[in-house]
């Protein structure tokens, strides 16, 4: 079995603020990297447990979907709130206190997609 190599440009972005929300919770996170297809986020273990208890990201036999908001930096110290509906594709523990969540973008409006593409191309 071979490993599938990513073919999309991915930008390392370890400082962008993000929030993850489902029907019940909203938690804070930081980006690790982002591409036009998805994002890796880092959060505390406590916060991860609210979104994906015990790392389980399947709900009623379907992959868990959440809303993600990421603050993209803009000129003059302003921020653009990038919003996307995402499917959680993995949930893993990094350390005792930190976890990583992988998200696949499933719904982004056209303006958001254009900003995402521009952001990734400038950062990579």
C-alpha atoms as a PDB file:
ATOM      1  CA  UNK A   1       0.000   0.000   0.000  1.00  0.00           C
ATOM      2  CA  UNK A   2       1.507   3.344  -1.046  1.00  0.00           C
ATOM      3  CA  UNK A   3       1.061   6.647   0.660  1.00  0.00           C
ATOM      4  CA  UNK A   4      -0.980   9.248  -1.190  1.00  0.00           C
ATOM      5  CA  UNK A   5       1.051  12.419  -1.585  1.00  0.00           C
ATOM      6  CA  UNK A   6      -0.786  15.716  -1.316  1.00  0.00           C
ATOM      7  CA  UNK A   7      -0.877  17.541  -4.608  1.00  0.00           C
ATOM      8  CA  UNK A   8      -2.250  20.845  -3.308  1.00  0.00           C
ATOM      9  CA  UNK A   9      -0.133  23.772  -2.200  1.00  0.00           C
ATOM     10  CA  UNK A  10      -0.057  23.903   1.622  1.00  0.00           C
ATOM     11  CA  UNK A  11       0.999  26.926   3.659  1.00  0.00           C
ATOM     12  CA  UNK A  12       2.462  26.581   7.154  1.00  0.00           C
ATOM     13  CA  UNK A  13       0.508  29.022   9.332  1.00  0.00           C
ATOM     14  CA  UNK A  14       1.066  28.501  13.014  1.00  0.00           C
ATOM     15  CA  UNK A  15      -0.366  31.755  14.318  1.00  0.00           C
ATOM     16  CA  UNK A  16      -3.826  32.270  12.855  1.00  0.00           C
ATOM     17  CA  UNK A  17      -6.705  32.234  15.307  1.00  0.00           C
ATOM     18  CA  UNK A  18      -9.591  29.927  14.546  1.00  0.00           C
ATOM     19  CA  UNK A  19     -12.810  28.733  16.106  1.00  0.00           C
ATOM     20  CA  UNK A  20     -14.568  25.404  15.633  1.00  0.00           C
ATOM     21  CA  UNK A  21     -18.256  24.995  16.375  1.00  0.00           C
ATOM     22  CA  UNK A  22     -20.882  22.316  16.177  1.00  0.00           C
ATOM     23  CA  UNK A  23     -24.492  22.380  17.349  1.00  0.00           C
ATOM     24  CA  UNK A  24     -23.401  22.475  21.009  1.00  0.00           C
ATOM     25  CA  UNK A  25     -19.882  23.854  21.462  1.00  0.00           C
ATOM     26  CA  UNK A  26     -17.501  26.513  20.201  1.00  0.00           C
ATOM     27  CA  UNK A  27     -13.796  26.075  20.880  1.00  0.00           C
ATOM     28  CA  UNK A  28     -10.675  28.097  20.092  1.00  0.00           C
ATOM     29  CA  UNK A  29      -7.800  26.772  18.022  1.00  0.00           C
ATOM     30  CA  UNK A  30      -4.699  27.828  16.089  1.00  0.00           C
ATOM     31  CA  UNK A  31      -3.848  26.875  12.542  1.00  0.00           C
ATOM     32  CA  UNK A  32      -0.894  24.591  11.830  1.00  0.00           C
ATOM     33  CA  UNK A  33      -1.217  24.624   8.044  1.00  0.00           C
ATOM     34  CA  UNK A  34      -3.813  25.346   5.405  1.00  0.00           C
ATOM     35  CA  UNK A  35      -4.486  24.506   1.759  1.00  0.00           C
ATOM     36  CA  UNK A  36      -7.347  25.175  -0.623  1.00  0.00           C
ATOM     37  CA  UNK A  37      -8.835  21.821   0.421  1.00  0.00           C
ATOM     38  CA  UNK A  38      -8.516  21.901   4.190  1.00  0.00           C
ATOM     39  CA  UNK A  39      -6.800  22.973   7.380  1.00  0.00           C
ATOM     40  CA  UNK A  40      -4.958  21.402  10.304  1.00  0.00           C
ATOM     41  CA  UNK A  41      -5.818  22.988  13.639  1.00  0.00           C
ATOM     42  CA  UNK A  42      -4.249  22.685  17.083  1.00  0.00           C
ATOM     43  CA  UNK A  43      -6.301  22.989  20.267  1.00  0.00           C
ATOM     44  CA  UNK A  44      -6.191  21.837  23.855  1.00  0.00           C
ATOM     45  CA  UNK A  45      -7.175  18.290  24.739  1.00  0.00           C
ATOM     46  CA  UNK A  46     -10.084  19.650  26.792  1.00  0.00           C
ATOM     47  CA  UNK A  47     -11.408  21.597  23.800  1.00  0.00           C
ATOM     48  CA  UNK A  48     -10.914  18.667  21.432  1.00  0.00           C
ATOM     49  CA  UNK A  49     -12.979  16.473  23.759  1.00  0.00           C
ATOM     50  CA  UNK A  50     -15.921  18.865  23.325  1.00  0.00           C
ATOM     51  CA  UNK A  51     -15.902  18.540  19.530  1.00  0.00           C
ATOM     52  CA  UNK A  52     -14.599  14.961  19.098  1.00  0.00           C
ATOM     53  CA  UNK A  53     -14.997  13.065  22.393  1.00  0.00           C
ATOM     54  CA  UNK A  54     -12.173  10.516  22.785  1.00  0.00           C
ATOM     55  CA  UNK A  55     -11.051  11.469  19.289  1.00  0.00           C
ATOM     56  CA  UNK A  56     -14.224  10.036  17.707  1.00  0.00           C
ATOM     57  CA  UNK A  57     -15.139  12.060  14.625  1.00  0.00           C
ATOM     58  CA  UNK A  58     -17.966   9.863  13.342  1.00  0.00           C
ATOM     59  CA  UNK A  59     -21.503  10.693  14.455  1.00  0.00           C
ATOM     60  CA  UNK A  60     -24.445   8.399  13.650  1.00  0.00           C
ATOM     61  CA  UNK A  61     -22.332   6.584  11.083  1.00  0.00           C
ATOM     62  CA  UNK A  62     -21.356   9.795   9.261  1.00  0.00           C
ATOM     63  CA  UNK A  63     -18.211  11.937   9.428  1.00  0.00           C
ATOM     64  CA  UNK A  64     -18.627  14.826  11.849  1.00  0.00           C
ATOM     65  CA  UNK A  65     -19.231  18.218  10.218  1.00  0.00           C
ATOM     66  CA  UNK A  66     -18.393  21.498  11.942  1.00  0.00           C
ATOM     67  CA  UNK A  67     -18.192  25.196  11.154  1.00  0.00           C
ATOM     68  CA  UNK A  68     -14.737  26.766  11.159  1.00  0.00           C
ATOM     69  CA  UNK A  69     -13.854  30.476  11.243  1.00  0.00           C
ATOM     70  CA  UNK A  70     -10.237  31.525  10.620  1.00  0.00           C
ATOM     71  CA  UNK A  71      -8.953  35.086  10.977  1.00  0.00           C
ATOM     72  CA  UNK A  72      -6.887  35.915   7.880  1.00  0.00           C
ATOM     73  CA  UNK A  73      -4.631  38.950   8.282  1.00  0.00           C
ATOM     74  CA  UNK A  74      -5.325  41.869   5.977  1.00  0.00           C
ATOM     75  CA  UNK A  75      -3.704  45.233   5.388  1.00  0.00           C
ATOM     76  CA  UNK A  76      -3.734  47.866   8.157  1.00  0.00           C
ATOM     77  CA  UNK A  77      -3.937  45.243  10.941  1.00  0.00           C
ATOM     78  CA  UNK A  78      -7.458  44.262   9.875  1.00  0.00           C
ATOM     79  CA  UNK A  79      -8.714  40.699   9.737  1.00  0.00           C
ATOM     80  CA  UNK A  80     -10.963  38.815   7.343  1.00  0.00           C
ATOM     81  CA  UNK A  81     -13.170  36.132   8.888  1.00  0.00           C
ATOM     82  CA  UNK A  82     -12.887  33.144   6.572  1.00  0.00           C
ATOM     83  CA  UNK A  83     -15.852  30.826   7.175  1.00  0.00           C
ATOM     84  CA  UNK A  84     -16.252  27.243   6.007  1.00  0.00           C
ATOM     85  CA  UNK A  85     -18.266  24.132   6.697  1.00  0.00           C
ATOM     86  CA  UNK A  86     -15.812  21.281   7.243  1.00  0.00           C
ATOM     87  CA  UNK A  87     -15.690  17.530   7.634  1.00  0.00           C
ATOM     88  CA  UNK A  88     -13.384  16.297  10.398  1.00  0.00           C
ATOM     89  CA  UNK A  89     -10.988  13.821   8.755  1.00  0.00           C
ATOM     90  CA  UNK A  90      -8.745  13.095  11.732  1.00  0.00           C
ATOM     91  CA  UNK A  91      -8.362  13.851  15.411  1.00  0.00           C
ATOM     92  CA  UNK A  92      -5.085  13.038  17.148  1.00  0.00           C
ATOM     93  CA  UNK A  93      -3.294  13.818  20.361  1.00  0.00           C
ATOM     94  CA  UNK A  94       0.001  15.703  19.962  1.00  0.00           C
ATOM     95  CA  UNK A  95       0.943  15.897  23.641  1.00  0.00           C
ATOM     96  CA  UNK A  96      -0.881  15.299  26.899  1.00  0.00           C
ATOM     97  CA  UNK A  97      -2.411  18.782  26.656  1.00  0.00           C
ATOM     98  CA  UNK A  98      -2.628  19.426  22.899  1.00  0.00           C
ATOM     99  CA  UNK A  99      -4.467  17.838  19.993  1.00  0.00           C
ATOM    100  CA  UNK A 100      -4.627  18.261  16.248  1.00  0.00           C
ATOM    101  CA  UNK A 101      -7.760  18.185  14.120  1.00  0.00           C
ATOM    102  CA  UNK A 102      -7.700  17.784  10.350  1.00  0.00           C
ATOM    103  CA  UNK A 103     -10.554  19.466   8.481  1.00  0.00           C
ATOM    104  CA  UNK A 104     -11.656  19.108   4.857  1.00  0.00           C
ATOM    105  CA  UNK A 105     -13.533  22.118   3.442  1.00  0.00           C
ATOM    106  CA  UNK A 106     -16.933  21.047   2.114  1.00  0.00           C
ATOM    107  CA  UNK A 107     -18.717  24.402   1.770  1.00  0.00           C
ATOM    108  CA  UNK A 108     -17.162  27.840   1.224  1.00  0.00           C
ATOM    109  CA  UNK A 109     -18.775  30.803  -0.495  1.00  0.00           C
ATOM    110  CA  UNK A 110     -17.113  32.089  -3.683  1.00  0.00           C
ATOM    111  CA  UNK A 111     -15.606  35.202  -2.069  1.00  0.00           C
ATOM    112  CA  UNK A 112     -14.153  33.094   0.744  1.00  0.00           C
ATOM    113  CA  UNK A 113     -12.675  30.586  -1.714  1.00  0.00           C
ATOM    114  CA  UNK A 114     -10.953  33.387  -3.661  1.00  0.00           C
ATOM    115  CA  UNK A 115      -9.464  34.837  -0.455  1.00  0.00           C
ATOM    116  CA  UNK A 116      -8.336  31.373   0.624  1.00  0.00           C
ATOM    117  CA  UNK A 117      -6.579  30.750  -2.702  1.00  0.00           C
ATOM    118  CA  UNK A 118      -4.879  34.162  -2.566  1.00  0.00           C
ATOM    119  CA  UNK A 119      -3.816  33.651   1.051  1.00  0.00           C
ATOM    120  CA  UNK A 120      -2.322  30.194   0.436  1.00  0.00           C
ATOM    121  CA  UNK A 121      -0.459  31.339  -2.682  1.00  0.00           C
ATOM    122  CA  UNK A 122       1.047  34.331  -0.840  1.00  0.00           C
ATOM    123  CA  UNK A 123       2.108  32.262   2.177  1.00  0.00           C
ATOM    124  CA  UNK A 124       3.547  29.231   0.377  1.00  0.00           C
END
